[in-house]
Protein backbone atom coordinates (compact mmCIF):
# COMPACT_ATOMS: atom_id res chain seq x y z
CA MET A 1 0.00 0.00 0.00
CA GLU A 2 2.78 2.37 0.94
CA ARG A 3 4.59 1.70 -2.34
CA LYS A 4 1.43 2.34 -4.35
CA LYS A 5 0.91 5.60 -2.51
CA LEU A 6 4.51 6.68 -3.26
CA ARG A 7 4.07 5.78 -6.94
CA ARG A 8 0.88 7.85 -7.13
CA MET A 9 2.66 10.81 -5.46
CA SER A 10 5.55 10.46 -7.89
CA LYS A 11 3.20 10.44 -10.87
CA SER A 12 1.40 13.55 -9.53
CA ALA A 13 4.72 15.39 -9.07
CA ASN A 14 5.78 14.48 -12.59
CA ALA A 15 2.45 15.70 -13.91
CA TYR A 16 2.88 19.07 -12.14
CA ILE A 17 6.42 19.42 -13.50
CA LEU A 18 5.19 18.66 -17.02
CA ILE A 19 2.40 21.24 -16.71
CA ALA A 20 4.90 23.85 -15.48
CA ILE A 21 7.23 23.15 -18.40
CA LEU A 22 4.38 23.38 -20.89
CA LEU A 23 3.24 26.67 -19.31
CA ILE A 24 6.74 28.13 -19.56
CA LEU A 25 7.00 27.06 -23.19
CA PHE A 26 3.60 28.59 -23.90
CA LEU A 27 4.62 31.91 -22.35
CA MET A 28 7.89 31.90 -24.30
CA ILE A 29 6.05 31.28 -27.55
CA LEU A 30 3.49 33.94 -26.66
CA GLY A 31 6.22 36.40 -25.77
CA THR A 32 7.96 35.99 -29.10
CA SER A 33 4.81 36.02 -31.17
CA VAL A 34 3.07 38.97 -32.79
CA PHE A 35 0.55 39.02 -29.95
CA LEU A 36 1.01 41.65 -27.23
CA ASN A 37 3.39 43.70 -29.35
CA ILE A 38 3.27 47.44 -28.60
CA VAL A 39 1.31 49.39 -31.18
CA GLU A 40 0.69 52.68 -29.36
CA ILE A 41 2.63 54.67 -26.71
CA SER A 42 0.87 57.67 -25.18
CA VAL A 43 2.20 60.38 -22.87
CA SER A 44 0.14 62.62 -20.58
CA GLY A 45 0.84 65.23 -17.91
CA THR A 46 3.81 66.99 -19.49
CA SER A 47 3.90 70.61 -20.63
CA ILE A 48 7.64 71.16 -20.52
CA TYR A 49 8.79 68.19 -22.59
CA LYS A 50 7.51 66.91 -25.92
CA ASP A 51 5.72 63.56 -25.94
CA ASN A 52 8.15 62.10 -28.47
CA ASP A 53 11.12 63.13 -26.31
CA VAL A 54 9.60 61.37 -23.29
CA ILE A 55 9.01 58.20 -25.30
CA GLU A 56 12.54 58.29 -26.67
CA ALA A 57 13.98 58.81 -23.18
CA SER A 58 11.98 55.86 -21.82
CA GLY A 59 13.56 53.41 -24.25
CA ILE A 60 10.16 51.82 -24.94
CA GLU A 61 9.63 51.23 -28.65
CA PRO A 62 6.66 50.20 -30.81
CA GLY A 63 6.90 46.56 -31.83
CA ARG A 64 8.43 45.43 -28.56
CA ASN A 65 6.49 42.75 -26.71
CA MET A 66 4.50 44.00 -23.72
CA LEU A 67 5.83 41.18 -21.53
CA PHE A 68 9.37 42.48 -21.84
CA VAL A 69 8.76 46.13 -20.92
CA ASP A 70 11.00 47.15 -18.00
CA LYS A 71 8.75 49.71 -16.33
CA ASP A 72 11.19 50.62 -13.54
CA GLY A 73 14.03 50.95 -16.00
CA ALA A 74 11.95 53.17 -18.27
CA LYS A 75 11.04 55.44 -15.36
CA GLN A 76 14.66 55.77 -14.26
CA LYS A 77 15.73 56.72 -17.78
CA ILE A 78 13.10 59.47 -17.92
CA TYR A 79 14.08 60.78 -14.48
CA SER A 80 17.73 60.94 -15.55
CA ALA A 81 17.02 62.76 -18.81
CA MET A 82 14.29 65.14 -17.63
CA PRO A 83 14.86 66.97 -14.32
CA TYR A 84 11.45 68.69 -14.34
CA VAL A 85 9.70 65.30 -14.05
CA SER A 86 8.72 64.59 -10.42
CA GLU A 87 6.59 61.44 -10.71
CA ILE A 88 6.11 58.81 -13.42
CA SER A 89 3.71 55.93 -13.92
CA VAL A 90 4.17 53.44 -16.75
CA GLU A 91 1.01 51.44 -17.34
CA LEU A 92 0.48 48.53 -19.71
CA ASP A 93 -2.92 48.68 -21.36
CA LEU A 94 -3.28 45.22 -22.85
CA PRO A 95 -3.16 44.05 -25.50
CA ASP A 96 -0.98 46.62 -27.28
CA LYS A 97 -0.85 50.05 -25.58
CA VAL A 98 1.57 51.67 -23.12
CA GLN A 99 0.68 54.79 -21.15
CA ILE A 100 3.35 57.05 -19.62
CA ILE A 101 1.76 59.37 -17.05
CA ILE A 102 3.91 62.22 -15.78
CA SER A 103 3.73 64.84 -13.03
CA GLU A 104 6.06 67.80 -13.40
CA THR A 105 7.69 70.00 -10.80
CA LYS A 106 8.41 73.70 -11.21
CA ALA A 107 11.22 76.18 -10.66
CA LEU A 108 10.43 78.09 -7.48
CA ALA A 109 13.76 79.47 -6.37
CA VAL A 110 17.27 80.23 -7.58
CA ILE A 111 20.65 80.08 -5.89
CA GLU A 112 23.99 81.37 -7.09
CA ASP A 113 27.09 79.22 -7.36
CA ALA A 114 30.53 79.69 -8.88
CA ASP A 115 29.32 78.99 -12.42
CA GLY A 116 26.07 80.96 -12.52
CA TYR A 117 22.62 80.32 -11.07
CA LEU A 118 20.77 77.11 -10.26
CA LEU A 119 17.00 76.82 -10.58
CA ILE A 120 15.50 74.63 -7.83
CA ASP A 121 12.02 73.31 -7.08
CA PRO A 122 10.18 73.37 -3.71
CA LYS A 123 12.14 70.30 -2.56
CA CYS A 124 15.46 71.89 -3.59
CA LYS A 125 15.90 69.57 -6.57
CA ILE A 126 18.25 71.20 -9.09
CA LEU A 127 16.37 71.64 -12.37
CA GLU A 128 18.82 73.51 -14.57
CA ARG A 129 21.62 76.06 -14.68
CA VAL A 130 21.06 79.56 -16.04
CA SER A 131 23.52 82.34 -16.75
CA SER A 132 21.64 85.22 -15.13
CA LEU A 133 19.27 85.81 -12.24
CA PRO A 134 15.76 85.08 -13.58
CA GLY A 135 12.78 87.19 -12.67
CA GLY A 136 9.98 85.67 -10.62
CA ALA A 137 12.17 83.17 -8.76
CA ILE A 138 12.99 83.47 -5.06
CA GLU A 139 16.70 84.14 -4.58
CA VAL A 140 18.04 81.90 -1.80
CA ARG A 141 20.83 83.38 0.30
CA GLY A 142 22.92 81.91 3.09
CA ILE A 143 23.82 78.46 1.72
CA THR A 144 26.61 77.36 -0.61
CA PRO A 145 25.94 74.70 -3.30
CA VAL A 146 28.54 71.95 -3.67
CA ASP A 147 28.84 68.87 -5.90
CA VAL A 148 26.16 70.26 -8.24
CA ARG A 149 24.27 67.64 -10.25
CA ILE A 150 21.30 68.58 -12.38
CA GLY A 151 18.31 66.45 -11.41
CA SER A 152 19.56 65.79 -7.88
CA VAL A 153 18.65 67.45 -4.59
CA LEU A 154 20.88 70.39 -3.71
CA LYS A 155 23.94 69.65 -1.58
CA VAL A 156 25.53 72.35 0.57
CA ALA A 157 28.83 73.11 2.26
CA SER A 158 29.77 71.48 5.56
CA GLY A 159 27.80 72.86 8.50
CA GLU A 160 24.94 74.19 6.36
CA ASP A 161 22.62 71.16 6.42
CA SER A 162 20.26 72.74 8.95
CA ARG A 163 19.98 75.83 6.75
CA LEU A 164 19.18 73.66 3.73
CA ARG A 165 16.42 71.88 5.66
CA TYR A 166 14.94 75.23 6.62
CA VAL A 167 15.03 76.39 3.00
CA GLN A 168 13.16 73.23 2.02
CA GLU A 169 10.57 73.84 4.76
CA VAL A 170 10.03 77.47 3.74
CA LEU A 171 9.81 76.77 0.00
CA ALA A 172 7.38 73.90 0.61
CA ALA A 173 5.27 76.18 2.82
CA ILE A 174 5.21 78.93 0.19
CA ASP A 175 4.24 76.44 -2.50
CA ALA A 176 1.54 74.78 -0.35
CA ALA A 177 0.03 78.16 0.58
CA GLY A 178 -0.07 79.21 -3.06
CA ILE A 179 1.69 82.51 -2.33
CA VAL A 180 4.68 82.17 -4.66
CA ASP A 181 4.11 85.50 -6.41
CA GLY A 182 5.59 88.42 -4.53
CA PHE A 183 8.58 86.83 -2.81
CA SER A 184 11.94 88.12 -3.99
CA TYR A 185 14.50 86.51 -1.65
CA LEU A 186 14.94 84.07 1.24
CA ASP A 187 17.92 84.67 3.54
CA VAL A 188 18.79 81.83 5.96
CA THR A 189 22.21 83.16 6.98
CA ASN A 190 20.92 83.44 10.55
CA LEU A 191 18.39 80.73 11.42
CA GLY A 192 17.29 82.72 14.44
CA ASN A 193 16.26 85.58 12.18
CA VAL A 194 15.28 84.29 8.73
CA ASN A 195 14.17 87.04 6.33
CA LEU A 196 12.07 86.99 3.18
CA GLY A 197 11.44 89.88 0.82
CA TYR A 198 7.76 90.20 -0.06
CA MET A 199 5.88 92.50 -2.44
CA ASP A 200 8.68 95.10 -2.33
CA LEU A 201 6.99 96.41 0.82
CA PHE A 202 7.75 93.91 3.55
CA THR A 203 10.61 92.03 5.13
CA VAL A 204 8.92 88.92 6.51
CA VAL A 205 10.77 87.71 9.62
CA LEU A 206 10.63 84.08 10.73
CA THR A 207 11.79 83.75 14.33
CA GLY A 208 11.06 81.51 17.28
CA SER A 209 10.03 77.87 17.29
CA SER A 210 6.85 78.01 15.22
CA SER A 211 7.12 76.28 11.88
CA ALA A 212 7.52 78.27 8.71
CA ALA A 213 4.46 76.54 7.26
CA ALA A 214 2.24 77.64 10.15
CA LYS A 215 3.40 81.24 9.82
CA LEU A 216 3.46 81.65 6.06
CA GLY A 217 0.00 80.16 5.69
CA LYS A 218 -1.32 83.18 7.59
CA LEU A 219 0.72 85.76 5.69
CA PRO A 220 -1.87 86.82 3.05
CA GLU A 221 -4.51 87.66 5.63
CA ALA A 222 -1.90 89.50 7.71
CA ILE A 223 -0.94 91.67 4.71
CA VAL A 224 -4.61 92.52 4.14
CA ASP A 225 -4.95 93.61 7.77
CA VAL A 226 -1.76 95.67 7.64
CA LYS A 227 -2.91 97.54 4.54
CA LYS A 228 -6.21 98.39 6.25
CA ASP A 229 -4.41 100.15 9.09
CA PRO A 230 -4.74 103.96 8.76
CA ASN A 231 -1.04 104.34 9.60
CA PHE A 232 0.08 102.15 6.71
CA ASP A 233 2.22 103.96 4.15
CA ASP A 234 2.66 102.15 0.82
CA THR A 235 5.78 104.20 0.06
CA ALA A 236 7.59 102.80 3.11
CA ARG A 237 8.95 99.35 3.88
CA TYR A 238 7.95 97.28 6.90
CA ARG A 239 9.14 94.33 8.93
CA ILE A 240 6.39 91.86 9.66
CA ASP A 241 6.61 88.99 12.15
CA ILE A 242 4.42 86.62 14.17
CA PRO A 243 5.97 86.04 17.62
CA ASP A 244 5.40 82.67 19.28
CA SER A 245 4.10 84.37 22.42
CA SER A 246 1.24 86.33 20.82
CA GLY A 247 0.36 84.24 17.79
CA ALA A 248 -0.60 87.43 15.93
CA TRP A 249 1.30 89.24 13.20
CA ILE A 250 2.96 92.49 14.15
CA TRP A 251 4.47 95.04 11.80
CA THR A 252 6.87 97.90 12.26
CA PRO A 253 8.46 100.43 9.87
CA GLU A 254 11.87 99.34 8.62
CA TRP A 255 14.24 102.29 8.73
């Protein structure tokens, strides 16, 4: 009885192995056949780069079999070639379509280095190098770029990591609050007294322990209140701050 049982188990195992081999052979034949070959590649979400350039950067080509598309490899190639791309999704739409879905970042600030100016996004990713200070970007002061690599996050000189983190926090807060327009510079030379130029009328001061995000989110309403004050003079310049103790914005003339 025991021998019969072993023979039956052996036959079952052989049957499973045979099925697995046949399945592998079927997939190999299917993969090399005309079925599942890519006919169409579409790109969405990009305004900075041309669709054809994205497709070329991905390395995905019409005629290639869908089963052999390296999605992670394609994404990495696009990231490397196109710094303004922040997120990528490569989706296989069987039987013959590939969709490349892109989210782009934007240049929010600029920082000077020995060879010109570097455009950076809200996360301090270096997007490109320009020869002159561009209008509309926030000029970052107080940190020194080193080992510059386009498409990588900004690196700074020794001892300036805490300043870089604060720059990232402030830029993210400005972007999240939707108040990009109006800022001219961000100076983190002194972390106890961080200054931002705003609307050519105000020096916004970030002091104390409150987060930059919490303060900057309240800035637009504070500016409205300041301008309503009968003592406000639009030909003067003011310092505006929100102390941790009061939680309310205060403003004083800047002489």
